[in-house]
């Protein structure tokens, strides 16, 4: 074959198929996961540094003044807990243990911090999960009703309810609810997560309601739900008010868009217009508020847990901070930071699923 023929064959040869690029949603998720990993490392740095900058001497808080007068005991305690080493070396030891799943030992309970948190976090997660579920259902429903009935009596009433929910202090509401519904009316059970006579269900997830269902213990399930109702509603009231106002504002903004008017002009049923066009666009800011609210519920339940004797992460963090239990304080800070990162990651994923414009940027 001549050289010209070979060139001709090469000229008409089909180009090699290009490697198919990842879908936009996959690229979006990969970027968010990488950012979350970097932020998680930043959380460890901030948690470690801030914990070690807390004023006070952990040696005095844990040993007491009598033991502090003996230099040998103090030196032994510092060496045992690594406090005699430079700060950067302590951080290296902390990271090394963290990679192995070791958060250190609590100086108060004398148990691994991971074991303490494994018992406290599910309790708070159950309480905050119930509160955010009630908040989403009622807050979004109230906000949509208020927007669709703008400037009518129902709109004014719902806005008043949301204003009250945002304004009332949560700890005061918890005290009033406990006094009225338990002490005076006997409508709800007392403190704790389950009746002491029944006992906790066999631990599987740490969530008493779920574990009771898995074990088929319906009496324990009823008791766990009864104990959960009052503190969950107390925590949910603020978030309901917040979501009501944000949902109303978002729905009103979407209702004035051209594509909503065009959908109505086509003769589509109002139900289709509401769920397919209005709510889908209005959910983006609502999801943001709900994610932040859930994170704050997980990390800010100290007073409610104290009033209802709920053995969650709030009580554990309070006791650790008052006794300068540094490993426990760092463990709580790390858990709270990771919770916010996971929630933000979930919110970003929901952004990409609901609004295609987000994942194409």
Protein backbone atom coordinates (compact mmCIF):
# COMPACT_ATOMS: atom_id res chain seq x y z
CA UNK A 1 0.00 0.00 0.00
CA UNK A 2 1.41 3.42 -0.92
CA UNK A 3 2.10 6.18 1.55
CA UNK A 4 -0.80 8.28 0.21
CA UNK A 5 -3.21 5.36 0.76
CA UNK A 6 -2.01 4.91 4.31
CA UNK A 7 -2.55 8.62 4.97
CA UNK A 8 -6.01 8.34 3.53
CA UNK A 9 -6.92 5.43 5.79
CA UNK A 10 -5.58 7.33 8.79
CA UNK A 11 -7.57 10.38 7.77
CA UNK A 12 -10.88 8.50 7.67
CA UNK A 13 -10.17 6.40 10.79
CA UNK A 14 -12.76 7.13 13.46
CA UNK A 15 -11.49 9.13 16.42
CA UNK A 16 -10.95 7.35 19.69
CA UNK A 17 -14.00 7.59 21.96
CA UNK A 18 -13.54 10.09 24.73
CA UNK A 19 -13.66 8.89 28.28
CA UNK A 20 -17.10 9.76 29.61
CA UNK A 21 -17.01 12.46 32.25
CA UNK A 22 -18.64 11.95 35.62
CA UNK A 23 -22.22 13.14 35.92
CA UNK A 24 -22.58 16.63 37.41
CA UNK A 25 -24.19 15.29 40.58
CA UNK A 26 -21.30 12.83 41.15
CA UNK A 27 -18.69 15.61 40.72
CA UNK A 28 -20.72 17.79 43.06
CA UNK A 29 -20.78 15.07 45.74
CA UNK A 30 -17.05 14.29 45.42
CA UNK A 31 -16.17 17.96 45.91
CA UNK A 32 -18.39 18.19 48.98
CA UNK A 33 -16.96 15.03 50.53
CA UNK A 34 -13.36 16.25 50.03
CA UNK A 35 -14.22 19.59 51.60
CA UNK A 36 -15.90 17.78 54.52
CA UNK A 37 -12.75 15.71 55.15
CA UNK A 38 -10.59 18.85 55.26
CA UNK A 39 -13.06 20.54 57.59
CA UNK A 40 -13.08 17.48 59.86
CA UNK A 41 -9.32 17.81 60.26
CA UNK A 42 -9.81 21.52 61.01
CA UNK A 43 -12.36 20.59 63.68
CA UNK A 44 -9.76 18.45 65.45
CA UNK A 45 -7.29 21.35 65.46
CA UNK A 46 -9.82 23.89 66.75
CA UNK A 47 -11.21 21.50 69.36
CA UNK A 48 -7.78 20.58 70.69
CA UNK A 49 -6.46 24.16 70.81
CA UNK A 50 -9.56 25.71 72.39
CA UNK A 51 -9.82 22.95 74.98
CA UNK A 52 -6.23 23.47 76.07
CA UNK A 53 -6.75 27.25 76.26
CA UNK A 54 -9.56 26.86 78.81
CA UNK A 55 -8.50 28.64 82.02
CA UNK A 56 -8.00 26.36 84.98
CA UNK A 57 -5.75 23.52 85.99
CA UNK A 58 -7.10 20.03 85.18
CA UNK A 59 -4.70 18.57 87.75
CA UNK A 60 -6.29 20.56 90.57
CA UNK A 61 -9.80 19.79 89.28
CA UNK A 62 -9.17 16.04 89.27
CA UNK A 63 -6.76 15.50 92.17
CA UNK A 64 -7.93 18.09 94.65
CA UNK A 65 -5.91 20.47 96.79
CA UNK A 66 -4.57 17.79 99.13
CA UNK A 67 -2.98 15.73 96.34
CA UNK A 68 -1.76 18.91 94.64
CA UNK A 69 0.58 19.53 97.56
CA UNK A 70 2.59 16.40 96.66
CA UNK A 71 4.83 17.13 93.63
CA UNK A 72 5.38 13.43 92.93
CA UNK A 73 1.65 12.74 92.59
CA UNK A 74 1.22 15.79 90.33
CA UNK A 75 4.15 14.77 88.12
CA UNK A 76 2.89 11.20 87.89
CA UNK A 77 -0.61 12.35 86.96
CA UNK A 78 0.69 14.73 84.28
CA UNK A 79 2.92 12.02 82.81
CA UNK A 80 0.09 9.51 82.85
CA UNK A 81 -2.18 11.83 80.86
CA UNK A 82 0.55 13.25 78.59
CA UNK A 83 0.31 16.78 80.00
CA UNK A 84 4.07 16.96 80.57
CA UNK A 85 4.75 16.98 76.81
CA UNK A 86 4.72 19.98 74.43
CA UNK A 87 1.35 20.96 72.96
CA UNK A 88 2.23 19.87 69.42
CA UNK A 89 3.28 16.45 70.70
CA UNK A 90 0.05 16.13 72.66
CA UNK A 91 -1.87 16.92 69.46
CA UNK A 92 0.09 14.25 67.60
CA UNK A 93 -0.78 11.70 70.26
CA UNK A 94 -4.41 12.84 70.10
CA UNK A 95 -4.54 12.38 66.31
CA UNK A 96 -2.83 9.00 66.53
CA UNK A 97 -5.41 7.79 69.02
CA UNK A 98 -8.23 9.34 67.01
CA UNK A 99 -7.28 7.39 63.89
CA UNK A 100 -7.47 4.20 65.97
CA UNK A 101 -10.86 5.19 67.40
CA UNK A 102 -9.41 6.08 70.79
CA UNK A 103 -10.64 9.38 72.25
CA UNK A 104 -8.83 8.85 75.52
CA UNK A 105 -10.14 7.98 78.95
CA UNK A 106 -12.48 10.18 80.93
CA UNK A 107 -10.85 11.48 84.07
CA UNK A 108 -14.18 11.38 85.91
CA UNK A 109 -15.86 8.14 84.85
CA UNK A 110 -12.50 6.36 84.30
CA UNK A 111 -13.95 4.79 81.17
CA UNK A 112 -13.07 5.36 77.50
CA UNK A 113 -14.64 8.58 76.23
CA UNK A 114 -15.88 6.73 73.16
CA UNK A 115 -17.84 4.38 75.43
CA UNK A 116 -19.39 7.28 77.32
CA UNK A 117 -20.33 9.03 74.08
CA UNK A 118 -21.75 5.81 72.63
CA UNK A 119 -24.30 5.90 75.45
CA UNK A 120 -24.95 9.66 75.48
CA UNK A 121 -25.14 10.46 71.76
CA UNK A 122 -28.02 8.07 70.88
CA UNK A 123 -30.13 9.56 73.70
CA UNK A 124 -29.66 13.09 72.35
CA UNK A 125 -30.06 11.86 68.78
CA UNK A 126 -33.42 10.30 69.64
CA UNK A 127 -34.63 13.47 71.34
CA UNK A 128 -33.38 15.84 68.64
CA UNK A 129 -34.60 13.56 65.85
CA UNK A 130 -38.13 13.51 67.25
CA UNK A 131 -38.04 17.29 67.72
CA UNK A 132 -36.85 18.03 64.17
CA UNK A 133 -39.38 15.60 62.67
CA UNK A 134 -42.25 17.35 64.45
CA UNK A 135 -40.76 20.73 63.49
CA UNK A 136 -40.51 19.87 59.80
CA UNK A 137 -44.05 18.54 59.56
CA UNK A 138 -45.72 21.37 61.48
CA UNK A 139 -43.37 24.21 60.49
CA UNK A 140 -43.56 23.58 56.74
CA UNK A 141 -47.32 22.96 56.87
CA UNK A 142 -47.95 26.15 58.87
CA UNK A 143 -45.69 28.17 56.57
CA UNK A 144 -47.43 26.97 53.41
CA UNK A 145 -50.89 27.63 54.87
CA UNK A 146 -49.83 31.10 56.02
CA UNK A 147 -48.44 31.93 52.56
CA UNK A 148 -51.47 30.65 50.66
CA UNK A 149 -53.81 32.58 52.98
CA UNK A 150 -51.75 35.74 53.12
CA UNK A 151 -53.12 38.59 55.27
CA UNK A 152 -56.11 36.52 56.39
CA UNK A 153 -56.97 35.55 59.95
CA UNK A 154 -55.24 32.15 59.73
CA UNK A 155 -52.07 33.84 58.44
CA UNK A 156 -52.00 36.28 61.36
CA UNK A 157 -52.66 33.52 63.89
CA UNK A 158 -49.88 31.30 62.53
CA UNK A 159 -47.45 34.20 62.47
CA UNK A 160 -48.35 34.93 66.09
CA UNK A 161 -47.73 31.30 67.04
CA UNK A 162 -44.36 31.36 65.27
CA UNK A 163 -43.41 34.59 67.04
CA UNK A 164 -44.29 33.06 70.42
CA UNK A 165 -42.29 29.93 69.59
CA UNK A 166 -39.19 31.95 68.76
CA UNK A 167 -39.52 34.29 71.73
CA UNK A 168 -40.25 31.92 74.64
CA UNK A 169 -37.06 30.70 76.39
CA UNK A 170 -36.71 26.95 75.99
CA UNK A 171 -35.58 26.29 79.58
CA UNK A 172 -38.59 28.20 80.99
CA UNK A 173 -40.97 26.32 78.71
CA UNK A 174 -39.40 23.01 79.79
CA UNK A 175 -39.95 23.84 83.48
CA UNK A 176 -43.56 24.89 82.87
CA UNK A 177 -44.31 21.82 80.73
CA UNK A 178 -42.80 19.47 83.31
CA UNK A 179 -44.73 21.11 86.16
CA UNK A 180 -48.09 21.30 84.37
CA UNK A 181 -48.25 18.07 82.38
CA UNK A 182 -46.46 15.77 84.83
CA UNK A 183 -46.76 17.22 88.32
CA UNK A 184 -50.22 18.80 88.11
CA UNK A 185 -52.17 16.95 85.41
CA UNK A 186 -50.30 13.61 85.38
CA UNK A 187 -50.75 13.41 81.62
CA UNK A 188 -47.14 12.56 80.77
CA UNK A 189 -44.55 10.34 82.50
CA UNK A 190 -41.79 11.79 84.61
CA UNK A 191 -38.10 12.16 83.94
CA UNK A 192 -35.79 9.72 82.22
CA UNK A 193 -36.14 7.78 78.97
CA UNK A 194 -38.28 4.85 80.16
CA UNK A 195 -40.12 3.72 83.29
CA UNK A 196 -37.66 2.26 85.83
CA UNK A 197 -39.98 -0.71 86.44
CA UNK A 198 -39.74 -1.74 82.77
CA UNK A 199 -36.05 -1.13 82.22
CA UNK A 200 -34.28 -0.27 78.99
CA UNK A 201 -34.64 -2.58 75.95
CA UNK A 202 -31.69 -4.69 74.76
CA UNK A 203 -29.23 -2.18 73.26
CA UNK A 204 -28.87 -2.36 69.50
CA UNK A 205 -28.96 1.21 68.19
CA UNK A 206 -29.10 3.03 71.52
CA UNK A 207 -32.48 4.55 70.55
CA UNK A 208 -34.97 3.17 73.06
CA UNK A 209 -37.94 3.46 70.71
CA UNK A 210 -36.18 1.59 67.91
CA UNK A 211 -34.61 -1.01 70.21
CA UNK A 212 -37.97 -1.72 71.86
CA UNK A 213 -39.55 -2.30 68.44
CA UNK A 214 -36.71 -4.60 67.40
CA UNK A 215 -37.12 -6.60 70.61
CA UNK A 216 -40.93 -6.70 70.31
CA UNK A 217 -41.34 -5.03 73.72
CA UNK A 218 -44.45 -2.95 73.08
CA UNK A 219 -44.85 -1.84 76.68
CA UNK A 220 -41.30 -0.48 76.69
CA UNK A 221 -41.94 1.19 73.32
CA UNK A 222 -45.04 2.93 74.68
CA UNK A 223 -43.14 4.08 77.74
CA UNK A 224 -40.23 5.38 75.64
CA UNK A 225 -42.59 7.32 73.36
CA UNK A 226 -44.43 8.74 76.38
CA UNK A 227 -41.19 9.96 77.94
CA UNK A 228 -40.11 11.43 74.59
CA UNK A 229 -43.22 13.51 73.83
CA UNK A 230 -42.86 16.41 76.27
CA UNK A 231 -39.13 17.22 75.88
CA UNK A 232 -39.36 16.77 72.10
CA UNK A 233 -42.29 19.19 71.84
CA UNK A 234 -40.50 21.69 74.08
CA UNK A 235 -37.42 21.57 71.85
CA UNK A 236 -39.53 21.66 68.68
CA UNK A 237 -41.47 24.83 69.52
CA UNK A 238 -38.63 27.20 68.64
CA UNK A 239 -37.82 25.36 65.41
CA UNK A 240 -41.50 25.26 64.41
CA UNK A 241 -41.68 29.03 64.72
CA UNK A 242 -38.45 29.45 62.75
CA UNK A 243 -39.49 27.10 59.94
CA UNK A 244 -42.96 28.64 59.75
CA UNK A 245 -41.55 32.09 59.08
CA UNK A 246 -38.91 30.90 56.60
CA UNK A 247 -41.35 28.65 54.72
CA UNK A 248 -43.93 31.42 54.47
CA UNK A 249 -41.36 33.86 53.10
CA UNK A 250 -39.94 31.33 50.61
CA UNK A 251 -43.37 30.22 49.34
CA UNK A 252 -44.52 33.85 48.89
CA UNK A 253 -41.41 34.59 46.84
CA UNK A 254 -41.94 31.57 44.59
CA UNK A 255 -45.67 32.25 44.12
CA UNK A 256 -44.78 35.49 42.32
CA UNK A 257 -42.49 33.81 39.75
CA UNK A 258 -43.43 33.67 36.07
CA UNK A 259 -43.23 29.87 35.80
CA UNK A 260 -45.82 29.48 38.57
CA UNK A 261 -48.19 31.84 36.79
CA UNK A 262 -47.55 29.98 33.54
CA UNK A 263 -48.34 26.64 35.21
CA UNK A 264 -51.62 28.02 36.48
CA UNK A 265 -52.40 29.52 33.07
CA UNK A 266 -52.02 26.04 31.55
CA UNK A 267 -54.85 24.87 33.75
CA UNK A 268 -52.80 22.59 36.00
CA UNK A 269 -54.51 21.63 39.26
CA UNK A 270 -53.53 23.75 42.24
CA UNK A 271 -52.19 20.66 44.02
CA UNK A 272 -49.78 19.96 41.15
CA UNK A 273 -48.66 23.58 41.03
CA UNK A 274 -48.06 23.61 44.77
CA UNK A 275 -46.08 20.38 45.09
CA UNK A 276 -44.27 20.28 41.73
CA UNK A 277 -43.41 23.94 41.23
CA UNK A 278 -43.80 25.95 44.43
CA UNK A 279 -42.57 23.62 47.17
CA UNK A 280 -39.64 22.26 45.18
CA UNK A 281 -38.23 25.74 44.70
CA UNK A 282 -39.09 26.94 48.19
CA UNK A 283 -37.48 23.96 49.94
CA UNK A 284 -33.88 25.08 49.33
CA UNK A 285 -33.81 27.82 52.03
CA UNK A 286 -36.04 25.70 54.28
CA UNK A 287 -33.56 22.80 54.12
CA UNK A 288 -30.76 25.16 55.14
CA UNK A 289 -32.65 26.33 58.21
CA UNK A 290 -33.71 22.78 59.11
CA UNK A 291 -30.12 21.51 58.89
CA UNK A 292 -28.79 24.26 61.14
CA UNK A 293 -31.69 23.77 63.56
CA UNK A 294 -31.02 20.04 63.81
CA UNK A 295 -27.35 20.66 64.53
CA UNK A 296 -28.21 23.17 67.24
CA UNK A 297 -30.72 20.73 68.75
CA UNK A 298 -28.05 18.04 68.99
CA UNK A 299 -25.55 20.35 70.63
CA UNK A 300 -27.80 22.67 72.65
CA UNK A 301 -30.06 20.42 74.71
CA UNK A 302 -28.22 20.88 78.01
CA UNK A 303 -30.99 22.59 80.00
CA UNK A 304 -33.82 20.46 78.61
CA UNK A 305 -31.86 17.29 79.32
CA UNK A 306 -31.16 18.48 82.85
CA UNK A 307 -34.82 19.27 83.57
CA UNK A 308 -36.10 15.97 82.20
CA UNK A 309 -33.10 13.93 83.48
CA UNK A 310 -32.32 12.87 79.93
CA UNK A 311 -28.88 11.20 79.90
CA UNK A 312 -27.66 12.75 76.66
CA UNK A 313 -24.62 14.53 75.36
CA UNK A 314 -25.72 17.84 76.87
CA UNK A 315 -25.49 16.59 80.45
CA UNK A 316 -22.26 14.77 79.68
CA UNK A 317 -20.70 17.93 78.23
CA UNK A 318 -21.81 20.03 81.21
CA UNK A 319 -20.33 17.62 83.76
CA UNK A 320 -17.10 17.32 81.76
CA UNK A 321 -16.70 21.09 81.48
CA UNK A 322 -17.31 21.73 85.19
CA UNK A 323 -14.66 19.17 86.17
CA UNK A 324 -12.15 20.12 83.46
CA UNK A 325 -12.24 16.61 82.04
CA UNK A 326 -10.23 17.51 78.95
CA UNK A 327 -10.49 14.20 77.03
CA UNK A 328 -14.27 14.21 77.50
CA UNK A 329 -14.55 17.89 76.51
CA UNK A 330 -12.52 17.25 73.34
CA UNK A 331 -14.63 14.19 72.57
CA UNK A 332 -17.86 16.18 72.85
CA UNK A 333 -16.45 19.03 70.76
CA UNK A 334 -15.34 16.59 68.08
CA UNK A 335 -18.73 14.87 68.00
CA UNK A 336 -20.60 18.18 67.73
CA UNK A 337 -18.28 19.39 64.97
CA UNK A 338 -18.63 16.15 62.99
CA UNK A 339 -22.41 16.31 63.42
CA UNK A 340 -22.51 19.76 61.85
CA UNK A 341 -20.26 18.59 59.00
CA UNK A 342 -22.47 15.57 58.29
CA UNK A 343 -25.62 17.69 58.39
CA UNK A 344 -24.10 20.27 56.03
CA UNK A 345 -23.05 17.46 53.69
CA UNK A 346 -26.59 16.06 53.70
CA UNK A 347 -27.98 19.55 53.05
CA UNK A 348 -25.58 20.00 50.11
CA UNK A 349 -26.67 16.64 48.68
CA UNK A 350 -30.32 17.64 49.00
CA UNK A 351 -29.49 20.92 47.25
CA UNK A 352 -28.10 18.99 44.30
CA UNK A 353 -31.08 16.63 44.17
CA UNK A 354 -33.74 19.33 44.43
CA UNK A 355 -32.15 22.12 42.39
CA UNK A 356 -30.12 21.04 39.30
CA UNK A 357 -28.64 24.52 39.02
CA UNK A 358 -26.60 23.93 42.18
CA UNK A 359 -24.76 20.84 40.91
CA UNK A 360 -24.04 22.42 37.49
CA UNK A 361 -22.13 25.38 38.90
